[in-house]
Amino acid sequence: MSTSFVEVIARHASQAPLAPAVSDPDAAWNHRELWERSREIGSALAKRGIGPGDLVATALPPGVAHLSVLIGIMATGAAAAPVNLKLAPDERETYLGALRPTLVVTGSATDAGGSPTCSESDLVGAPAGTWTHVPTEPTAPAFVVGTGGTTGTPKGAVWTSGGLAEYLASSALVLEARRTDVELYFASFFHIALATCAMSTLYAGGSVTFEPRFDAGRAVEKIHRGEVTRLFGPPTALDRIIGHPDLDLTRTGSVRSVLFGSTSSEPDLPDRLRAAFPGATLVTGYGATEFGAVTRLRSWESPDGLDGVGWPVPGAALEIVDEHGRPVPDGEVGEVVVRAPWQMAGYLVDGRLEPVADGAIRSGDLAVREADGRIRLRGRLKELVITGGENVFPVEVERVLCDHPAVATAAVVGVADPEWGERVEAMVVLRAPASAQVVDELVRHCRERLVGYKVPKRVVVGTELPLTTAMKVDKRAVKEWLGEH
């Protein structure tokens, strides 16, 4: 038996019962209260026949109640699968068809695609009595995260009890979590970030403040009151916090750690974060739904700037390979292949587990390994633009565009072209209103810094870039819009 996430939460309840654990705008619970609510839910689910071998999906808004349901599900020995509430009905039905859940726990009227449902309110109110959680084998499924993206058929990445526990321990170590930490979490519950950040902070004995809806003003208020020591968010959200007109840079001293993802479209974000939180350690890295965060770069490791995504974390192995799966030399671009002891067991497809072949996960991400071992991303394999037989990495063009003082963010994609196969096009958001000649200036700027085939054939100025539910730039939406206009 392994020390599961559930077991750690139970131990916090007995060893530090009154220490704060979780809060949101509607509730604030200490570790004992979190565990008692989770036991209450687990007991109610067990009375409904839920136990090892079952999978229970949750269609609930983010917050402490949702977290207690996830813990309660895992406490029965079943696997918990939070569902993206923003999915369209057809998308939700497709995803639930892949999971084939035993039960879906809902909050309000939610279409569960024909799956059996119960309301979250039906699981609370009856004391758990002597009921206790079910010990699980390390190989038992515990947590299922939807693959995310914007293309392809939705699938569930299955994390085992032992894998999840090992990943939380790794994240707590690498992110330097403490018992005194208070994490402000405004990311999604259906994203692996829930484990990377919120769950790992709880694993370390700290506390988490959940914001169901991202509000930069509320985040600023909490920072000013000294209620936050750790921040995590996609670059878009963090940019809104540090750009908020009410942010007082003399009142940000409580924040000691800021974690953020890829900044390819906002290359100056690390410098602006450093200015906003001068006493904080900045942390970036690389990860995916299937294996979590497997590289880390912390500001104290790179005093000259956060360039790249750092080095593999202890226990993770990364290879950069060509299209045939052969390792490429340092300095050459290839696909990232990951092996980690905590990685997913496989995908759920039509209710069946499709295991990882040979224990290696091909990420679909392009990267280069420098001579010192540092990893630098070059974009997604599927986003690679091939124009006239030449390869163009969008991230390279985006960085050049963002080097222009007029550009706040940029997204570069390949659009179908009858002559070249694909042509490079870009959508940019400007920092302030600019002259009508700004597009010509940007094209000239690119020509001075890039070989001809990498220069965008068209640059479109937009008011904002479309975002996915994870608040990342939605490249598919950009590509579709540019292809239609």
Protein backbone atom coordinates (compact mmCIF):
# COMPACT_ATOMS: atom_id res chain seq x y z
CA MET A 1 0.00 0.00 0.00
CA SER A 2 1.21 3.54 -0.74
CA THR A 3 0.59 6.75 1.16
CA SER A 4 -2.17 8.11 -1.04
CA PHE A 5 -3.37 11.71 -1.29
CA VAL A 6 -6.44 10.68 0.74
CA GLU A 7 -4.24 9.22 3.48
CA VAL A 8 -2.20 12.44 3.65
CA ILE A 9 -5.36 14.57 3.99
CA ALA A 10 -6.55 12.25 6.78
CA ARG A 11 -3.22 12.58 8.60
CA HIS A 12 -3.30 16.39 8.38
CA ALA A 13 -6.75 16.26 10.00
CA SER A 14 -5.42 14.31 12.95
CA GLN A 15 -2.03 15.99 13.30
CA ALA A 16 -2.86 19.63 12.47
CA PRO A 17 -6.67 19.72 12.79
CA LEU A 18 -7.11 23.47 13.30
CA ALA A 19 -4.65 24.64 10.66
CA PRO A 20 -6.37 26.37 7.71
CA ALA A 21 -6.81 24.11 4.69
CA VAL A 22 -9.15 25.52 2.04
CA SER A 23 -11.34 28.56 1.45
CA ASP A 24 -13.40 30.21 -1.25
CA PRO A 25 -15.90 33.11 -1.24
CA ASP A 26 -18.50 30.89 0.50
CA ALA A 27 -16.54 28.78 3.00
CA ALA A 28 -13.32 28.41 4.98
CA TRP A 29 -12.36 25.02 6.43
CA ASN A 30 -9.46 23.79 8.51
CA HIS A 31 -7.89 20.40 7.86
CA ARG A 32 -10.28 18.60 10.19
CA GLU A 33 -13.34 20.19 8.58
CA LEU A 34 -12.09 19.36 5.07
CA TRP A 35 -11.55 15.73 6.04
CA GLU A 36 -14.89 15.41 7.84
CA ARG A 37 -16.77 16.76 4.82
CA SER A 38 -14.80 14.41 2.55
CA ARG A 39 -15.63 11.46 4.83
CA GLU A 40 -19.28 12.47 4.82
CA ILE A 41 -19.31 12.39 1.03
CA GLY A 42 -17.33 9.16 0.88
CA SER A 43 -19.74 7.48 3.28
CA ALA A 44 -22.76 8.62 1.26
CA LEU A 45 -21.17 7.37 -1.97
CA ALA A 46 -20.29 4.03 -0.35
CA LYS A 47 -23.96 3.62 0.65
CA ARG A 48 -24.79 4.03 -3.05
CA GLY A 49 -22.44 1.16 -3.86
CA ILE A 50 -19.46 3.21 -5.02
CA GLY A 51 -16.09 1.61 -4.34
CA PRO A 52 -12.88 0.28 -5.91
CA GLY A 53 -13.18 -0.20 -9.66
CA ASP A 54 -15.75 2.58 -10.09
CA LEU A 55 -15.25 5.96 -11.72
CA VAL A 56 -17.24 8.97 -10.55
CA ALA A 57 -17.28 12.14 -12.63
CA THR A 58 -17.94 15.56 -11.12
CA ALA A 59 -19.72 18.38 -12.96
CA LEU A 60 -19.33 21.08 -10.31
CA PRO A 61 -17.98 24.64 -10.13
CA PRO A 62 -14.47 25.13 -8.66
CA GLY A 63 -14.28 25.59 -4.90
CA VAL A 64 -13.94 23.86 -1.55
CA ALA A 65 -17.14 21.85 -1.99
CA HIS A 66 -15.89 20.41 -5.29
CA LEU A 67 -12.52 19.52 -3.78
CA SER A 68 -14.21 17.68 -0.89
CA VAL A 69 -16.25 15.67 -3.41
CA LEU A 70 -13.07 14.66 -5.28
CA ILE A 71 -11.42 13.57 -2.02
CA GLY A 72 -14.58 11.77 -0.93
CA ILE A 73 -14.70 9.83 -4.20
CA MET A 74 -11.07 8.77 -3.88
CA ALA A 75 -11.71 7.86 -0.22
CA THR A 76 -14.10 5.12 -1.40
CA GLY A 77 -11.35 3.62 -3.56
CA ALA A 78 -13.01 4.89 -6.75
CA ALA A 79 -11.45 7.21 -9.32
CA ALA A 80 -12.51 10.88 -9.49
CA ALA A 81 -12.90 12.67 -12.83
CA PRO A 82 -13.67 16.42 -12.81
CA VAL A 83 -15.48 17.51 -15.99
CA ASN A 84 -15.11 20.80 -17.85
CA LEU A 85 -18.41 22.61 -17.30
CA LYS A 86 -17.77 24.80 -20.34
CA LEU A 87 -17.96 21.89 -22.77
CA ALA A 88 -20.83 22.07 -25.20
CA PRO A 89 -23.49 19.36 -24.65
CA ASP A 90 -22.19 17.25 -27.55
CA GLU A 91 -18.59 17.57 -26.31
CA ARG A 92 -19.62 16.64 -22.76
CA GLU A 93 -21.51 13.61 -24.02
CA THR A 94 -18.49 12.51 -26.07
CA TYR A 95 -16.17 12.86 -23.10
CA LEU A 96 -18.48 11.02 -20.71
CA GLY A 97 -18.82 8.33 -23.37
CA ALA A 98 -15.05 7.89 -23.23
CA LEU A 99 -15.09 7.69 -19.41
CA ARG A 100 -18.25 5.56 -18.97
CA PRO A 101 -18.64 6.80 -15.34
CA THR A 102 -20.55 4.81 -12.76
CA LEU A 103 -22.02 8.08 -11.49
CA VAL A 104 -21.87 11.82 -12.22
CA VAL A 105 -22.08 14.22 -9.28
CA THR A 106 -23.71 17.47 -10.35
CA GLY A 107 -24.44 20.81 -8.78
CA SER A 108 -27.32 22.23 -10.79
CA ALA A 109 -29.10 21.04 -13.92
CA THR A 110 -26.24 19.49 -15.90
CA ASP A 111 -26.55 17.27 -18.94
CA ALA A 112 -24.69 14.09 -18.05
CA GLY A 113 -25.15 12.45 -21.43
CA GLY A 114 -27.32 9.64 -20.10
CA SER A 115 -24.99 8.70 -17.22
CA PRO A 116 -26.50 8.08 -13.75
CA THR A 117 -26.39 11.27 -11.68
CA CYS A 118 -26.79 12.54 -8.16
CA SER A 119 -26.64 16.04 -6.76
CA GLU A 120 -23.77 17.13 -4.55
CA SER A 121 -26.38 18.22 -2.00
CA ASP A 122 -27.60 14.60 -1.80
CA LEU A 123 -24.18 13.54 -0.47
CA VAL A 124 -23.98 15.91 2.50
CA GLY A 125 -25.93 16.21 5.71
CA ALA A 126 -25.61 12.65 7.08
CA PRO A 127 -22.63 12.16 9.46
CA ALA A 128 -20.09 9.56 8.34
CA GLY A 129 -20.10 7.91 11.76
CA THR A 130 -17.42 5.23 11.95
CA TRP A 131 -17.00 4.97 8.18
CA THR A 132 -13.39 5.23 7.12
CA HIS A 133 -11.63 5.50 3.81
CA VAL A 134 -10.72 2.45 1.73
CA PRO A 135 -6.97 1.75 1.41
CA THR A 136 -5.97 1.53 -2.24
CA GLU A 137 -3.28 -0.29 -4.14
CA PRO A 138 -0.71 1.99 -5.80
CA THR A 139 -1.85 0.78 -9.23
CA ALA A 140 -5.54 1.57 -8.63
CA PRO A 141 -6.97 4.44 -10.74
CA ALA A 142 -7.51 7.54 -8.58
CA PHE A 143 -7.71 10.69 -10.68
CA VAL A 144 -8.75 11.13 -14.32
CA VAL A 145 -7.92 14.33 -16.20
CA GLY A 146 -9.43 15.18 -19.57
CA THR A 147 -7.07 15.70 -22.45
CA GLY A 148 -7.47 19.03 -23.43
CA GLY A 149 -7.28 20.30 -26.01
CA THR A 150 -8.83 22.02 -28.84
CA THR A 151 -8.67 19.18 -31.36
CA GLY A 152 -9.32 15.46 -31.47
CA THR A 153 -11.64 13.19 -29.56
CA PRO A 154 -11.78 13.86 -25.79
CA LYS A 155 -10.08 11.20 -23.68
CA GLY A 156 -9.32 10.76 -20.00
CA ALA A 157 -5.73 10.48 -18.74
CA VAL A 158 -5.77 7.99 -15.84
CA TRP A 159 -3.51 8.68 -12.87
CA THR A 160 -3.09 5.89 -10.33
CA SER A 161 -3.18 6.33 -6.58
CA GLY A 162 0.56 5.71 -6.28
CA GLY A 163 1.39 7.87 -9.29
CA LEU A 164 -0.66 10.80 -8.01
CA ALA A 165 0.93 10.60 -4.56
CA GLU A 166 4.43 10.48 -6.04
CA TYR A 167 3.66 13.42 -8.32
CA LEU A 168 2.29 15.52 -5.45
CA ALA A 169 5.41 14.81 -3.41
CA SER A 170 7.59 15.77 -6.39
CA SER A 171 5.67 19.00 -7.00
CA ALA A 172 5.73 19.98 -3.34
CA LEU A 173 9.50 19.44 -3.28
CA VAL A 174 10.35 21.21 -6.55
CA LEU A 175 7.94 24.09 -5.91
CA GLU A 176 9.27 24.43 -2.36
CA ALA A 177 5.83 24.29 -0.71
CA ARG A 178 5.58 24.99 3.03
CA ARG A 179 3.01 24.45 5.77
CA THR A 180 2.71 28.22 6.10
CA ASP A 181 1.90 28.74 2.42
CA VAL A 182 -1.41 30.11 1.18
CA GLU A 183 -1.90 29.45 -2.51
CA LEU A 184 -4.28 31.57 -4.58
CA TYR A 185 -5.72 29.17 -7.15
CA PHE A 186 -7.93 30.41 -9.95
CA ALA A 187 -7.20 27.78 -12.58
CA SER A 188 -9.55 25.02 -13.68
CA PHE A 189 -10.39 21.88 -11.69
CA PHE A 190 -10.38 19.71 -14.83
CA HIS A 191 -6.72 20.58 -15.50
CA ILE A 192 -3.60 18.81 -14.22
CA ALA A 193 -2.71 22.14 -12.57
CA LEU A 194 -5.13 21.18 -9.79
CA ALA A 195 -2.66 18.47 -8.79
CA THR A 196 0.51 20.42 -9.60
CA CYS A 197 -0.46 23.39 -7.47
CA ALA A 198 -3.49 23.11 -5.20
CA MET A 199 -3.22 19.43 -4.27
CA SER A 200 0.56 19.58 -3.81
CA THR A 201 0.24 22.59 -1.49
CA LEU A 202 -2.33 20.66 0.57
CA TYR A 203 -0.06 17.61 0.45
CA ALA A 204 2.68 19.75 2.03
CA GLY A 205 0.28 20.90 4.76
CA GLY A 206 -0.35 24.39 3.37
CA SER A 207 -3.67 25.96 2.47
CA VAL A 208 -5.41 26.97 -0.74
CA THR A 209 -7.76 29.84 -1.51
CA PHE A 210 -9.96 29.04 -4.50
CA GLU A 211 -11.40 31.74 -6.74
CA PRO A 212 -14.20 30.13 -8.81
CA ARG A 213 -14.05 32.97 -11.33
CA PHE A 214 -10.85 34.80 -12.12
CA ASP A 215 -11.05 38.41 -10.99
CA ALA A 216 -7.82 40.40 -11.12
CA GLY A 217 -9.22 43.01 -8.73
CA ARG A 218 -10.04 40.41 -6.05
CA ALA A 219 -6.58 38.88 -6.48
CA VAL A 220 -4.97 42.28 -5.99
CA GLU A 221 -7.02 42.87 -2.81
CA LYS A 222 -5.89 39.56 -1.33
CA ILE A 223 -2.26 40.30 -2.20
CA HIS A 224 -2.49 43.74 -0.58
CA ARG A 225 -3.92 42.21 2.61
CA GLY A 226 -0.99 39.77 2.80
CA GLU A 227 -3.31 36.75 2.36
CA VAL A 228 -1.31 35.16 -0.47
CA THR A 229 2.16 33.61 -0.48
CA ARG A 230 1.92 31.65 -3.73
CA LEU A 231 0.45 32.53 -7.11
CA PHE A 232 -0.16 30.26 -10.07
CA GLY A 233 -1.80 31.10 -13.35
CA PRO A 234 -1.48 31.18 -17.11
CA PRO A 235 0.43 34.22 -18.42
CA THR A 236 -2.81 35.92 -19.46
CA ALA A 237 -4.20 35.91 -15.91
CA LEU A 238 -0.94 36.98 -14.27
CA ASP A 239 -0.60 39.77 -16.83
CA ARG A 240 -4.01 41.09 -15.77
CA ILE A 241 -3.00 41.06 -12.10
CA ILE A 242 0.27 42.93 -12.52
CA GLY A 243 -1.35 45.30 -15.01
CA HIS A 244 -4.29 46.10 -12.72
CA PRO A 245 -4.48 49.84 -12.01
CA ASP A 246 -4.98 49.25 -8.25
CA LEU A 247 -1.87 47.10 -7.77
CA ASP A 248 0.45 48.77 -5.24
CA LEU A 249 3.99 47.44 -5.66
CA THR A 250 4.79 48.36 -2.06
CA ARG A 251 2.15 45.85 -0.84
CA THR A 252 3.18 42.67 -2.69
CA GLY A 253 5.77 41.48 -0.20
CA SER A 254 3.78 38.49 1.11
CA VAL A 255 4.06 36.72 -2.27
CA ARG A 256 7.13 34.51 -2.17
CA SER A 257 6.49 32.28 -5.20
CA VAL A 258 4.94 32.87 -8.63
CA LEU A 259 4.48 29.91 -10.98
CA PHE A 260 3.59 30.43 -14.61
CA GLY A 261 3.45 28.47 -17.85
CA SER A 262 4.68 29.13 -21.36
CA THR A 263 5.37 32.78 -22.16
CA SER A 264 6.13 32.48 -25.88
CA SER A 265 3.52 35.10 -26.75
CA GLU A 266 4.52 37.38 -23.84
CA PRO A 267 8.33 37.16 -23.59
CA ASP A 268 8.62 40.15 -21.27
CA LEU A 269 6.28 38.68 -18.63
CA PRO A 270 9.08 37.32 -16.38
CA ASP A 271 10.69 40.77 -16.17
CA ARG A 272 7.35 42.39 -15.34
CA LEU A 273 6.62 39.72 -12.71
CA ARG A 274 10.03 40.32 -11.16
CA ALA A 275 9.27 44.03 -10.95
CA ALA A 276 5.83 43.40 -9.40
CA PHE A 277 7.02 40.76 -6.90
CA PRO A 278 10.70 41.55 -6.23
CA GLY A 279 10.85 39.25 -3.20
CA ALA A 280 9.33 36.22 -4.93
CA THR A 281 10.91 33.23 -6.61
CA LEU A 282 9.64 33.00 -10.19
CA VAL A 283 9.08 29.47 -11.44
CA THR A 284 8.32 28.22 -14.92
CA GLY A 285 8.58 24.81 -16.54
CA TYR A 286 7.12 22.29 -18.92
CA GLY A 287 4.40 19.72 -18.45
CA ALA A 288 1.30 18.07 -19.86
CA THR A 289 -1.88 16.34 -18.76
CA GLU A 290 -0.31 12.93 -19.30
CA PHE A 291 2.76 13.38 -17.07
CA GLY A 292 2.41 16.62 -15.14
CA ALA A 293 5.31 19.03 -14.74
CA VAL A 294 8.61 17.40 -15.68
CA THR A 295 10.96 20.39 -15.97
CA ARG A 296 11.46 23.38 -13.74
CA LEU A 297 13.33 26.68 -13.97
CA ARG A 298 13.46 28.87 -10.88
CA SER A 299 14.72 32.44 -10.88
CA TRP A 300 17.46 31.70 -8.36
CA GLU A 301 18.84 29.09 -10.79
CA SER A 302 18.99 31.58 -13.65
CA PRO A 303 19.85 35.09 -12.41
CA ASP A 304 20.24 36.39 -15.96
CA GLY A 305 16.60 35.66 -16.81
CA LEU A 306 14.10 32.85 -17.20
CA ASP A 307 15.14 31.63 -20.61
CA GLY A 308 13.76 28.22 -21.57
CA VAL A 309 11.87 25.80 -19.33
CA GLY A 310 14.78 24.51 -17.30
CA TRP A 311 15.99 21.04 -16.45
CA PRO A 312 14.16 17.75 -15.78
CA VAL A 313 12.88 17.41 -12.23
CA PRO A 314 14.24 14.52 -10.13
CA GLY A 315 12.82 11.24 -11.36
CA ALA A 316 11.76 12.43 -14.82
CA ALA A 317 13.60 11.47 -18.02
CA LEU A 318 13.26 13.53 -21.21
CA GLU A 319 14.56 12.67 -24.66
CA ILE A 320 14.50 14.84 -27.79
CA VAL A 321 13.91 12.56 -30.79
CA ASP A 322 13.44 12.73 -34.55
CA GLU A 323 10.41 11.45 -36.48
CA HIS A 324 11.78 7.90 -36.20
CA GLY A 325 12.16 8.06 -32.42
CA ARG A 326 15.96 8.37 -32.53
CA PRO A 327 17.64 10.85 -30.12
CA VAL A 328 18.90 14.00 -31.84
CA PRO A 329 22.14 15.79 -30.91
CA ASP A 330 22.10 18.72 -28.49
CA GLY A 331 21.09 21.88 -30.30
CA GLU A 332 18.78 20.16 -32.79
CA VAL A 333 15.00 20.37 -32.70
CA GLY A 334 12.99 17.23 -32.07
CA GLU A 335 9.92 15.90 -30.28
CA VAL A 336 9.92 15.60 -26.48
CA VAL A 337 9.49 12.04 -25.19
CA VAL A 338 8.87 11.66 -21.47
CA ARG A 339 9.19 8.88 -18.93
CA ALA A 340 8.26 9.63 -15.31
CA PRO A 341 7.45 7.24 -12.46
CA TRP A 342 4.20 9.13 -11.75
CA GLN A 343 2.93 9.50 -15.33
CA MET A 344 -0.56 8.41 -16.35
CA ALA A 345 -1.29 4.71 -16.72
CA GLY A 346 -3.01 5.36 -20.04
CA TYR A 347 -6.10 6.84 -21.69
CA LEU A 348 -9.70 5.91 -21.06
CA VAL A 349 -11.41 5.26 -24.38
CA ASP A 350 -14.97 3.90 -24.37
CA GLY A 351 -14.49 2.99 -20.72
CA ARG A 352 -11.38 0.88 -21.42
CA LEU A 353 -7.82 1.71 -20.45
CA GLU A 354 -5.35 2.05 -23.33
CA PRO A 355 -1.95 1.77 -21.59
CA VAL A 356 1.15 3.77 -22.47
CA ALA A 357 3.22 1.85 -25.02
CA ASP A 358 6.72 1.00 -23.78
CA GLY A 359 6.31 3.44 -20.88
CA ALA A 360 7.23 6.37 -23.13
CA ILE A 361 4.88 9.29 -23.83
CA ARG A 362 5.41 11.17 -27.08
CA SER A 363 4.33 14.68 -26.18
CA GLY A 364 3.80 16.25 -29.59
CA ASP A 365 5.94 19.18 -28.37
CA LEU A 366 9.05 20.33 -30.17
CA ALA A 367 12.12 21.35 -28.18
CA VAL A 368 15.88 21.60 -28.20
CA ARG A 369 18.31 20.55 -25.47
CA GLU A 370 21.22 22.94 -24.92
CA ALA A 371 24.74 21.79 -24.08
CA ASP A 372 24.10 22.45 -20.36
CA GLY A 373 20.98 20.26 -20.43
CA ARG A 374 18.47 23.10 -20.37
CA ILE A 375 15.32 22.53 -22.43
CA ARG A 376 13.89 25.19 -24.75
CA LEU A 377 10.50 24.70 -26.36
CA ARG A 378 9.97 25.33 -30.05
CA GLY A 379 6.20 24.85 -30.18
CA ARG A 380 3.77 22.06 -30.98
CA LEU A 381 4.54 19.51 -33.67
CA LYS A 382 1.03 19.98 -35.07
CA GLU A 383 1.56 23.77 -35.11
CA LEU A 384 4.75 23.52 -37.15
CA VAL A 385 4.28 25.54 -40.35
CA ILE A 386 5.72 23.98 -43.52
CA THR A 387 5.83 26.64 -46.21
CA GLY A 388 7.43 25.84 -49.54
CA GLY A 389 9.15 22.85 -47.92
CA GLU A 390 10.72 24.95 -45.15
CA ASN A 391 9.93 24.49 -41.45
CA VAL A 392 8.80 27.53 -39.46
CA PHE A 393 8.42 27.34 -35.67
CA PRO A 394 5.64 29.80 -34.73
CA VAL A 395 7.19 30.56 -31.35
CA GLU A 396 10.29 32.00 -33.07
CA VAL A 397 8.20 34.43 -35.12
CA GLU A 398 6.03 35.32 -32.10
CA ARG A 399 9.12 36.29 -30.12
CA VAL A 400 10.32 38.58 -32.89
CA LEU A 401 6.91 40.23 -33.16
CA CYS A 402 6.75 40.73 -29.39
CA ASP A 403 10.18 42.35 -29.46
CA HIS A 404 8.53 45.29 -31.23
CA PRO A 405 7.53 47.91 -28.63
CA ALA A 406 4.02 48.25 -30.09
CA VAL A 407 3.12 44.55 -29.64
CA ALA A 408 1.66 43.15 -26.42
CA THR A 409 0.95 39.59 -27.58
CA ALA A 410 1.10 37.63 -30.81
CA ALA A 411 -0.07 34.32 -32.28
CA VAL A 412 1.47 32.85 -35.41
CA VAL A 413 -0.12 30.03 -37.41
CA GLY A 414 0.03 28.36 -40.79
CA VAL A 415 -2.86 29.02 -43.19
CA ALA A 416 -3.50 26.81 -46.23
CA ASP A 417 -1.98 28.20 -49.42
CA PRO A 418 -2.34 26.70 -52.93
CA GLU A 419 1.20 27.66 -53.94
CA TRP A 420 3.26 27.19 -50.76
CA GLY A 421 1.20 24.53 -48.97
CA GLU A 422 0.97 26.85 -45.97
CA ARG A 423 1.75 30.51 -45.46
CA VAL A 424 2.81 32.20 -42.24
CA GLU A 425 0.23 34.59 -40.81
CA ALA A 426 0.01 36.42 -37.50
CA MET A 427 -2.55 38.04 -35.22
CA VAL A 428 -1.23 40.64 -32.80
CA VAL A 429 -2.62 42.72 -29.96
CA LEU A 430 -1.05 46.15 -29.56
CA ARG A 431 -0.08 47.84 -26.31
CA ALA A 432 -1.80 51.08 -27.33
CA PRO A 433 -3.50 52.56 -30.40
CA ALA A 434 -0.99 52.84 -33.20
CA SER A 435 -0.69 54.43 -36.61
CA ALA A 436 -2.24 52.90 -39.69
CA GLN A 437 1.26 51.98 -40.80
CA VAL A 438 1.93 49.70 -37.82
CA VAL A 439 1.39 46.52 -39.88
CA ASP A 440 4.00 47.61 -42.42
CA GLU A 441 6.35 48.42 -39.54
CA LEU A 442 5.90 44.95 -38.08
CA VAL A 443 6.57 43.24 -41.39
CA ARG A 444 9.75 45.31 -41.83
CA HIS A 445 10.72 44.48 -38.25
CA CYS A 446 10.40 40.76 -39.04
CA ARG A 447 12.31 41.02 -42.32
CA GLU A 448 15.23 42.57 -40.48
CA ARG A 449 15.41 39.63 -38.05
CA LEU A 450 14.12 36.57 -39.90
CA VAL A 451 14.85 34.71 -43.11
CA GLY A 452 12.30 35.52 -45.81
CA TYR A 453 10.11 32.39 -45.57
CA LYS A 454 9.53 33.01 -41.84
CA VAL A 455 8.21 36.54 -42.31
CA PRO A 456 4.41 36.65 -41.95
CA LYS A 457 2.62 37.06 -45.25
CA ARG A 458 -0.12 38.85 -43.33
CA VAL A 459 -0.34 40.53 -39.93
CA VAL A 460 -3.80 41.23 -38.50
CA VAL A 461 -4.35 43.53 -35.53
CA GLY A 462 -6.98 42.31 -33.06
CA THR A 463 -8.37 43.61 -29.78
CA GLU A 464 -7.52 40.36 -27.97
CA LEU A 465 -6.39 36.82 -28.75
CA PRO A 466 -8.94 34.02 -28.31
CA LEU A 467 -8.28 31.87 -25.26
CA THR A 468 -9.00 28.26 -24.34
CA THR A 469 -10.74 27.36 -21.08
CA ALA A 470 -7.25 27.04 -19.57
CA MET A 471 -6.64 30.69 -20.54
CA LYS A 472 -4.02 29.82 -23.14
CA VAL A 473 -4.01 31.23 -26.66
CA ASP A 474 -6.40 29.19 -28.80
CA LYS A 475 -4.29 28.64 -31.92
CA ARG A 476 -7.03 26.66 -33.65
CA ALA A 477 -9.45 29.59 -33.31
CA VAL A 478 -6.80 31.99 -34.62
CA LYS A 479 -6.11 29.72 -37.58
CA GLU A 480 -9.79 29.32 -38.38
CA TRP A 481 -10.41 33.08 -38.21
CA LEU A 482 -7.43 33.95 -40.41
CA GLY A 483 -8.41 31.25 -42.89
CA GLU A 484 -11.93 32.66 -43.17
CA HIS A 485 -11.06 36.38 -43.40
